[in-house]
Amino acid sequence: NEAKKNFGTSVPFERLVSCSDDFTLFLWHPTDDKKPVQRMLGHQQPVTHLSFSPDGRYLASASFDKKVKIWCGRTGNFMATLTGHVGHVYQVCWAPDSRLLASASKDSTLKVWEVRNPKKPRTTLSGHYDEIYALDWSPNGALIASGGKDRILKIWTS
């Protein structure tokens, strides 16, 4: 298999996930088939953003239902729901080591989650005066940048 030769066993095939305002996600293997291999259900409002973890093991989805969901990055199977935001979740972003996930919300908070302990956020970062639309980790995972409707860029230590 050409994909295994190029990527090793951790990513045995090309994967693509789509999200929609119909509350669903679809997992595709675009190099193998034109049909989705998995329909991923669980969100109760439009799904606004998704992101594969850097190691490819996980997929996170953000939704207007105020939740983040974690899925298996290989199969698309549901793994966990992250609850704690009180407003729409706009974006999610993985730390470079794939152990932490940050989420940005309409509730003006940024939450950092540990994948191994998804019951509650590891930390909640408050300080924005309005909705947070964007976030990203520094390449070494030590810092998180966030920006939003308040037109302020904040740099946080993780």
Protein backbone atom coordinates (compact mmCIF):
# COMPACT_ATOMS: atom_id res chain seq x y z
CA ASN A 1 0.00 0.00 0.00
CA GLU A 2 1.48 3.33 -1.10
CA ALA A 3 -0.01 5.26 1.84
CA LYS A 4 1.58 2.92 4.40
CA LYS A 5 4.92 3.21 2.66
CA ASN A 6 4.77 7.02 2.77
CA PHE A 7 3.23 7.54 6.20
CA GLY A 8 3.92 4.42 8.23
CA THR A 9 1.27 2.56 10.18
CA SER A 10 -0.07 5.53 12.19
CA VAL A 11 -1.81 7.03 9.14
CA PRO A 12 -2.62 4.11 6.83
CA PHE A 13 -4.86 6.14 4.50
CA GLU A 14 -5.89 9.66 3.61
CA ARG A 15 -8.80 10.97 5.69
CA LEU A 16 -11.16 13.89 5.26
CA VAL A 17 -13.97 15.04 7.54
CA SER A 18 -16.72 17.47 6.60
CA CYS A 19 -18.99 19.31 9.03
CA SER A 20 -22.29 21.01 8.39
CA ASP A 21 -25.12 23.15 9.65
CA ASP A 22 -27.28 19.98 9.62
CA PHE A 23 -25.47 18.95 12.85
CA THR A 24 -23.51 16.11 11.20
CA LEU A 25 -19.96 15.23 10.28
CA PHE A 26 -18.88 12.75 7.63
CA LEU A 27 -15.61 10.84 7.50
CA TRP A 28 -14.26 10.13 4.01
CA HIS A 29 -11.37 8.15 2.59
CA PRO A 30 -11.07 10.28 -0.56
CA THR A 31 -8.36 8.24 -2.24
CA ASP A 32 -10.35 5.00 -1.85
CA ASP A 33 -14.03 5.88 -2.31
CA LYS A 34 -16.37 8.71 -3.26
CA LYS A 35 -18.86 7.77 -0.53
CA PRO A 36 -18.43 8.64 3.16
CA VAL A 37 -17.33 5.77 5.38
CA GLN A 38 -18.89 7.13 8.58
CA ARG A 39 -21.74 9.49 9.47
CA MET A 40 -20.93 11.08 12.80
CA LEU A 41 -23.93 12.19 14.87
CA GLY A 42 -24.32 13.81 18.27
CA HIS A 43 -24.27 17.59 17.97
CA GLN A 44 -27.60 19.36 18.49
CA GLN A 45 -26.77 22.55 16.57
CA PRO A 46 -24.64 23.44 13.52
CA VAL A 47 -21.06 22.18 13.61
CA THR A 48 -18.79 25.16 12.96
CA HIS A 49 -15.25 23.85 13.07
CA LEU A 50 -13.23 20.67 13.30
CA SER A 51 -9.61 19.76 13.65
CA PHE A 52 -7.50 16.59 13.54
CA SER A 53 -4.94 16.24 16.31
CA PRO A 54 -1.34 16.52 15.03
CA ASP A 55 -0.79 12.78 15.61
CA GLY A 56 -4.00 11.93 13.72
CA ARG A 57 -5.45 9.89 16.58
CA TYR A 58 -8.27 12.32 17.40
CA LEU A 59 -10.70 14.70 15.76
CA ALA A 60 -12.40 17.53 17.65
CA SER A 61 -15.59 19.27 16.53
CA ALA A 62 -17.00 22.59 17.75
CA SER A 63 -20.68 23.45 17.64
CA PHE A 64 -23.27 26.08 18.36
CA ASP A 65 -24.69 23.56 20.87
CA LYS A 66 -21.99 24.84 23.28
CA LYS A 67 -20.12 21.54 23.18
CA VAL A 68 -16.90 20.10 21.81
CA LYS A 69 -16.90 16.47 20.79
CA ILE A 70 -13.89 14.17 20.46
CA TRP A 71 -13.94 11.44 17.82
CA CYS A 72 -11.51 8.70 16.86
CA GLY A 73 -9.40 10.15 14.06
CA ARG A 74 -9.13 6.79 12.31
CA THR A 75 -12.68 5.40 12.53
CA GLY A 76 -14.85 8.44 13.27
CA ASN A 77 -16.30 6.73 16.35
CA PHE A 78 -17.50 9.00 19.15
CA MET A 79 -15.21 9.21 22.19
CA ALA A 80 -16.26 12.10 24.49
CA THR A 81 -18.28 15.29 24.88
CA LEU A 82 -16.57 18.29 26.46
CA THR A 83 -19.07 20.50 28.29
CA GLY A 84 -18.47 23.76 30.11
CA HIS A 85 -19.00 26.59 27.65
CA VAL A 86 -22.21 28.62 28.04
CA GLY A 87 -22.12 30.01 24.50
CA HIS A 88 -21.52 28.77 20.97
CA VAL A 89 -18.11 27.17 20.45
CA TYR A 90 -16.48 28.70 17.38
CA GLN A 91 -13.10 27.03 17.09
CA VAL A 92 -10.93 24.24 18.47
CA CYS A 93 -7.16 23.86 18.23
CA TRP A 94 -4.81 21.05 19.29
CA ALA A 95 -1.54 21.51 21.14
CA PRO A 96 1.45 20.27 19.14
CA ASP A 97 1.77 17.13 21.30
CA SER A 98 -1.94 16.19 20.79
CA ARG A 99 -2.52 15.95 24.56
CA LEU A 100 -4.33 19.27 25.04
CA LEU A 101 -7.18 20.89 23.13
CA ALA A 102 -8.23 24.54 23.35
CA SER A 103 -11.73 25.81 22.53
CA ALA A 104 -12.91 29.37 21.81
CA SER A 105 -16.45 30.48 22.55
CA LYS A 106 -19.10 33.15 22.32
CA ASP A 107 -19.06 33.14 26.15
CA SER A 108 -15.74 35.10 25.97
CA THR A 109 -13.71 32.25 27.47
CA LEU A 110 -11.05 29.95 26.17
CA LYS A 111 -10.98 26.48 27.72
CA VAL A 112 -8.09 24.03 27.70
CA TRP A 113 -8.95 20.34 27.90
CA GLU A 114 -6.89 17.21 28.55
CA VAL A 115 -7.91 14.45 26.16
CA ARG A 116 -7.26 11.79 28.81
CA ASN A 117 -9.52 13.59 31.32
CA PRO A 118 -12.39 15.10 29.31
CA LYS A 119 -14.89 15.46 32.17
CA LYS A 120 -13.99 19.08 32.93
CA PRO A 121 -11.68 21.72 31.50
CA ARG A 122 -8.10 21.71 32.73
CA THR A 123 -8.33 25.49 32.83
CA THR A 124 -10.65 28.31 31.82
CA LEU A 125 -8.99 31.46 30.52
CA SER A 126 -11.07 34.60 31.01
CA GLY A 127 -10.07 38.11 30.00
CA HIS A 128 -11.69 38.82 26.66
CA TYR A 129 -14.58 41.28 26.75
CA ASP A 130 -16.57 39.60 23.99
CA GLU A 131 -16.78 36.50 21.77
CA ILE A 132 -13.55 34.67 20.91
CA TYR A 133 -13.34 33.71 17.26
CA ALA A 134 -9.78 32.48 16.78
CA LEU A 135 -7.04 30.67 18.66
CA ASP A 136 -3.77 28.87 18.00
CA TRP A 137 -0.93 27.25 19.92
CA SER A 138 2.69 28.26 19.63
CA PRO A 139 4.85 25.64 17.89
CA ASN A 140 6.34 24.48 21.21
CA GLY A 141 2.94 24.33 22.97
CA ALA A 142 3.92 26.81 25.69
CA LEU A 143 1.60 29.62 24.57
CA ILE A 144 -1.92 30.05 23.19
CA ALA A 145 -3.01 33.11 21.20
CA SER A 146 -6.65 34.17 21.03
CA GLY A 147 -8.56 36.96 19.37
CA GLY A 148 -12.15 37.98 18.95
CA LYS A 149 -14.87 40.55 18.72
CA ASP A 150 -13.22 42.77 21.35
CA ARG A 151 -10.38 43.33 18.83
CA ILE A 152 -7.78 42.27 21.41
CA LEU A 153 -5.11 39.65 20.82
CA LYS A 154 -4.21 37.81 24.01
CA ILE A 155 -1.24 35.53 24.58
CA TRP A 156 -1.71 32.96 27.33
CA THR A 157 0.68 30.49 28.95
CA SER A 158 -0.64 26.97 28.66
